[in-house]
Amino acid sequence: MNRCVAVIPARGGSKRLPRKNILDILGRPMLSYPVGTAIASGLFDQVIVSTEDEEIAGIAESFGARVMERPAELARDRSTVVQVCTHVLDTLEKEGDFPDYFCCIYATALFITPEDIGEAYKNLAGPISDRGRENGLDNRADDDRDNGLNHDPDVVMGVSEFNLQPVQALERNREGFLSHKWPEYTGRQSQFQPRLTASNGTFYWAKARAFDATTGFYPERLAGYQIPWLRAIDIDTPEDLENARRLAPIFLKNRL
């Protein structure tokens, strides 16, 4: 059976939205939702929260996560998620518990579901494990292959399509007038425009050894798992938080 670990980075020093990882969402700290989603997926041997913050550590443990203390040099504004995940994997290797796969889940990924985690894992690792199947994640690998999904990537990231087509972007020139950034797409119907997606800041599944070798979430063999943009809301500002709180009763009502 594959060994899988969830890694949830949750530092305490967020600047644009202070203490955002533990702000209240429907009476619970924000961090509790991705921790609960990871546990409910039934795929992980460990759900690890990486933090340098004592309060966040206590909350993470109270919701069933293991806390891994993050070194101060990885808790700065310019510290990256890749560095945090590398630290977690290095620690697990020293413990003799290096995983086959890991999933980095953002602490603000409120609206992803256990099914999202399971389906993305299936794309990364092929047919899901017996443990995942017991938790209601069915096996549709053959259907997915027929639909052109890649079944041998090194990373599967949560992605969303753009709300507005990027190739229709307008650029302001020196005189203050607008013109098409990419005029070759002017007047072209949407069905003939490129299908573009972007990482939506929800999660990255990765083969642990491949990540360790390339140290990043953008290898050549990169695949995406589509999440509707309304469920992939990023939370960095008070306005983002307000939007999340408006949507929470819709997407979280069955998870309280």
Protein backbone atom coordinates (compact mmCIF):
# COMPACT_ATOMS: atom_id res chain seq x y z
CA MET A 1 0.00 0.00 0.00
CA ASN A 2 1.28 3.46 -0.89
CA ARG A 3 2.26 5.69 1.99
CA CYS A 4 0.71 9.14 1.73
CA VAL A 5 1.16 12.24 3.86
CA ALA A 6 -0.76 15.51 3.87
CA VAL A 7 1.28 18.65 4.53
CA ILE A 8 -0.59 21.80 5.54
CA PRO A 9 1.63 24.90 5.86
CA ALA A 10 0.18 27.32 8.42
CA ARG A 11 2.52 30.00 9.66
CA GLY A 12 1.34 32.58 12.16
CA GLY A 13 2.77 35.75 10.67
CA SER A 14 0.49 36.46 7.72
CA LYS A 15 0.59 40.19 7.00
CA ARG A 16 -2.21 41.16 4.61
CA LEU A 17 -4.80 39.29 6.70
CA PRO A 18 -3.35 38.79 10.21
CA ARG A 19 -3.92 35.36 11.79
CA LYS A 20 -5.84 34.33 8.69
CA ASN A 21 -5.23 30.59 9.11
CA ILE A 22 -7.29 30.48 12.29
CA LEU A 23 -9.93 33.15 11.61
CA ASP A 24 -13.49 32.12 12.35
CA ILE A 25 -15.54 30.44 9.63
CA LEU A 26 -18.96 29.28 10.78
CA GLY A 27 -17.75 29.01 14.36
CA ARG A 28 -14.56 27.09 13.65
CA PRO A 29 -10.98 28.12 12.87
CA MET A 30 -10.25 28.14 9.15
CA LEU A 31 -7.46 25.59 9.52
CA SER A 32 -9.88 23.00 10.85
CA TYR A 33 -11.54 22.57 7.43
CA PRO A 34 -8.54 21.43 5.35
CA VAL A 35 -7.40 19.26 8.27
CA GLY A 36 -10.86 17.67 8.39
CA THR A 37 -10.94 17.23 4.61
CA ALA A 38 -7.58 15.47 4.60
CA ILE A 39 -8.60 13.14 7.43
CA ALA A 40 -11.99 12.41 5.86
CA SER A 41 -10.37 11.40 2.56
CA GLY A 42 -8.96 8.34 4.32
CA LEU A 43 -5.84 8.47 2.15
CA PHE A 44 -3.21 9.72 4.56
CA ASP A 45 -1.01 7.96 7.07
CA GLN A 46 -0.32 11.36 8.63
CA VAL A 47 -1.90 14.81 8.33
CA ILE A 48 0.90 17.21 9.25
CA VAL A 49 0.54 20.91 9.99
CA SER A 50 3.82 22.81 9.68
CA THR A 51 3.87 25.88 11.88
CA GLU A 52 6.07 27.95 14.15
CA ASP A 53 3.02 29.33 16.00
CA GLU A 54 1.99 27.90 19.37
CA GLU A 55 -1.71 28.79 19.06
CA ILE A 56 -1.97 27.31 15.55
CA ALA A 57 -0.18 24.18 16.77
CA GLY A 58 -2.73 23.72 19.55
CA ILE A 59 -5.66 24.13 17.18
CA ALA A 60 -4.17 21.73 14.64
CA GLU A 61 -3.69 19.04 17.28
CA SER A 62 -7.20 19.53 18.63
CA PHE A 63 -8.59 18.68 15.18
CA GLY A 64 -6.48 15.56 14.78
CA ALA A 65 -3.35 16.72 12.94
CA ARG A 66 0.27 16.06 13.82
CA VAL A 67 2.20 19.28 14.32
CA MET A 68 5.71 19.62 12.93
CA GLU A 69 7.56 22.62 14.30
CA ARG A 70 8.78 24.89 11.54
CA PRO A 71 12.23 26.47 11.90
CA ALA A 72 12.19 30.26 12.23
CA GLU A 73 14.06 30.68 8.94
CA LEU A 74 11.13 29.00 7.15
CA ALA A 75 8.52 31.24 8.79
CA ARG A 76 9.50 34.49 7.09
CA ASP A 77 7.52 36.47 4.55
CA ARG A 78 9.67 35.19 1.68
CA SER A 79 9.69 31.56 2.82
CA THR A 80 8.09 29.32 0.22
CA VAL A 81 5.73 26.39 0.35
CA VAL A 82 8.34 24.33 -1.48
CA GLN A 83 10.85 24.99 1.32
CA VAL A 84 8.28 24.02 3.93
CA CYS A 85 7.41 20.77 2.17
CA THR A 86 11.09 19.95 1.72
CA HIS A 87 11.61 20.41 5.45
CA VAL A 88 8.71 18.08 6.25
CA LEU A 89 9.96 15.41 3.84
CA ASP A 90 13.53 15.69 5.17
CA THR A 91 12.21 15.25 8.72
CA LEU A 92 10.17 12.21 7.73
CA GLU A 93 13.18 10.68 6.00
CA LYS A 94 15.24 11.08 9.17
CA GLU A 95 12.42 9.31 11.01
CA GLY A 96 12.57 6.46 8.49
CA ASP A 97 9.06 7.28 7.29
CA PHE A 98 9.56 8.87 3.86
CA PRO A 99 6.23 8.70 1.96
CA ASP A 100 5.53 7.58 -1.59
CA TYR A 101 3.20 10.51 -2.19
CA PHE A 102 2.34 13.69 -0.39
CA CYS A 103 -0.34 16.32 -0.79
CA CYS A 104 0.38 19.92 0.14
CA ILE A 105 -2.98 21.44 1.09
CA TYR A 106 -3.28 25.16 1.71
CA ALA A 107 -4.70 26.17 5.09
CA THR A 108 -7.18 28.47 3.35
CA ALA A 109 -8.51 25.79 0.97
CA LEU A 110 -11.89 25.82 2.68
CA PHE A 111 -14.08 24.41 -0.03
CA ILE A 112 -12.17 21.46 -1.41
CA THR A 113 -13.69 18.09 -0.59
CA PRO A 114 -12.40 14.61 0.24
CA GLU A 115 -13.58 13.63 -3.24
CA ASP A 116 -11.35 16.32 -4.80
CA ILE A 117 -8.36 14.94 -2.90
CA GLY A 118 -9.22 11.36 -3.88
CA GLU A 119 -9.84 12.03 -7.55
CA ALA A 120 -6.61 14.04 -7.92
CA TYR A 121 -4.70 11.25 -6.18
CA LYS A 122 -6.17 8.76 -8.61
CA ASN A 123 -4.77 10.78 -11.51
CA LEU A 124 -1.33 10.78 -9.85
CA ALA A 125 -1.13 7.23 -8.59
CA GLY A 126 -3.55 5.28 -10.73
CA PRO A 127 -6.31 3.22 -9.15
CA ILE A 128 -7.00 4.34 -5.62
CA SER A 129 -6.04 2.24 -2.64
CA ASP A 130 -8.37 -0.10 -0.84
CA ARG A 131 -8.36 2.36 2.04
CA GLY A 132 -9.60 5.16 -0.19
CA ARG A 133 -12.23 2.91 -1.74
CA GLU A 134 -13.51 2.02 1.71
CA ASN A 135 -14.05 5.73 2.24
CA GLY A 136 -16.31 6.02 -0.78
CA LEU A 137 -13.79 7.05 -3.46
CA ASP A 138 -14.65 4.94 -6.47
CA ASN A 139 -12.30 3.88 -9.23
CA ARG A 140 -12.97 5.40 -12.64
CA ALA A 141 -9.43 5.24 -14.01
CA ASP A 142 -10.52 3.69 -17.30
CA ASP A 143 -13.11 6.41 -17.87
CA ASP A 144 -10.56 9.09 -17.06
CA ARG A 145 -8.03 7.61 -19.46
CA ASP A 146 -10.70 7.64 -22.16
CA ASN A 147 -11.23 11.33 -21.42
CA GLY A 148 -7.56 12.07 -21.99
CA LEU A 149 -6.44 12.53 -18.40
CA ASN A 150 -2.76 11.86 -17.78
CA HIS A 151 -2.18 8.92 -15.45
CA ASP A 152 1.56 9.19 -15.03
CA PRO A 153 2.33 12.74 -13.90
CA ASP A 154 4.80 13.63 -11.15
CA VAL A 155 2.55 16.40 -9.78
CA VAL A 156 -1.20 17.01 -9.91
CA MET A 157 -2.22 20.49 -8.84
CA GLY A 158 -5.61 22.03 -8.21
CA VAL A 159 -6.38 24.35 -11.12
CA SER A 160 -9.28 26.53 -12.23
CA GLU A 161 -10.20 28.13 -15.49
CA PHE A 162 -10.26 31.90 -15.67
CA ASN A 163 -13.49 33.74 -15.02
CA LEU A 164 -12.62 36.02 -17.95
CA GLN A 165 -10.63 34.74 -20.93
CA PRO A 166 -7.00 35.96 -20.53
CA VAL A 167 -6.43 36.17 -24.30
CA GLN A 168 -9.07 38.91 -24.44
CA ALA A 169 -6.95 41.12 -22.15
CA LEU A 170 -6.70 44.81 -22.97
CA GLU A 171 -3.50 46.74 -22.39
CA ARG A 172 -3.30 50.48 -21.76
CA ASN A 173 -0.78 52.24 -24.01
CA ARG A 174 1.26 55.40 -23.33
CA GLU A 175 -1.54 57.61 -24.65
CA GLY A 176 -4.00 56.02 -22.23
CA PHE A 177 -5.98 54.06 -24.82
CA LEU A 178 -6.74 50.35 -24.64
CA SER A 179 -5.85 47.74 -27.22
CA HIS A 180 -5.81 43.97 -27.31
CA LYS A 181 -2.74 42.41 -25.73
CA TRP A 182 -3.03 39.45 -28.08
CA PRO A 183 -4.75 40.82 -31.25
CA GLU A 184 -4.58 37.43 -32.97
CA TYR A 185 -7.56 36.39 -30.83
CA THR A 186 -9.68 39.48 -31.54
CA GLY A 187 -13.11 38.44 -32.71
CA ARG A 188 -12.37 34.73 -32.35
CA GLN A 189 -15.23 32.79 -30.76
CA SER A 190 -14.56 31.38 -27.31
CA GLN A 191 -14.65 27.77 -28.52
CA PHE A 192 -11.65 28.53 -30.75
CA GLN A 193 -9.60 30.18 -28.01
CA PRO A 194 -6.99 28.24 -25.96
CA ARG A 195 -8.25 26.54 -22.84
CA LEU A 196 -6.16 28.09 -20.08
CA THR A 197 -5.97 27.24 -16.41
CA ALA A 198 -3.90 28.36 -13.44
CA SER A 199 -2.93 26.97 -10.07
CA ASN A 200 -5.73 28.00 -7.71
CA GLY A 201 -3.88 27.76 -4.41
CA THR A 202 -5.78 24.77 -3.07
CA PHE A 203 -3.45 21.74 -3.20
CA TYR A 204 -0.58 19.95 -4.91
CA TRP A 205 -0.25 16.18 -5.00
CA ALA A 206 3.29 14.99 -5.73
CA LYS A 207 5.37 11.86 -5.97
CA ALA A 208 7.68 12.45 -3.06
CA ARG A 209 10.90 11.22 -4.71
CA ALA A 210 10.21 13.16 -7.90
CA PHE A 211 9.58 16.32 -5.85
CA ASP A 212 12.73 15.65 -3.86
CA ALA A 213 14.73 15.36 -7.09
CA THR A 214 13.34 18.48 -8.77
CA THR A 215 12.43 20.49 -5.65
CA GLY A 216 9.28 21.99 -7.01
CA PHE A 217 5.66 21.63 -8.04
CA TYR A 218 6.24 22.44 -11.72
CA PRO A 219 8.00 19.40 -13.21
CA GLU A 220 7.74 18.47 -16.88
CA ARG A 221 5.11 15.86 -16.04
CA LEU A 222 2.56 18.21 -14.49
CA ALA A 223 -1.19 17.57 -14.56
CA GLY A 224 -4.15 19.55 -13.28
CA TYR A 225 -7.30 18.69 -11.37
CA GLN A 226 -10.12 21.07 -12.22
CA ILE A 227 -11.96 22.80 -9.40
CA PRO A 228 -14.73 25.34 -10.15
CA TRP A 229 -13.36 28.80 -9.43
CA LEU A 230 -16.17 29.52 -6.98
CA ARG A 231 -14.84 26.74 -4.70
CA ALA A 232 -11.22 27.79 -5.20
CA ILE A 233 -11.43 31.17 -3.55
CA ASP A 234 -8.08 32.46 -2.33
CA ILE A 235 -8.07 34.24 1.01
CA ASP A 236 -5.44 36.96 1.36
CA THR A 237 -7.45 40.13 2.11
CA PRO A 238 -10.43 41.17 4.27
CA GLU A 239 -12.52 41.21 1.07
CA ASP A 240 -11.53 37.61 0.31
CA LEU A 241 -12.50 36.63 3.86
CA GLU A 242 -15.88 38.30 3.50
CA ASN A 243 -16.52 36.43 0.25
CA ALA A 244 -15.51 33.15 1.90
CA ARG A 245 -17.90 33.75 4.78
CA ARG A 246 -20.74 34.41 2.35
CA LEU A 247 -20.05 31.14 0.51
CA ALA A 248 -19.34 29.02 3.60
CA PRO A 249 -22.99 28.20 4.41
CA ILE A 250 -23.38 26.84 0.87
CA PHE A 251 -20.26 24.69 0.64
CA LEU A 252 -19.69 23.73 4.28
CA LYS A 253 -23.21 23.14 5.56
CA ASN A 254 -22.78 19.35 5.42
CA ARG A 255 -19.38 19.39 7.12
CA LEU A 256 -20.22 21.03 10.45
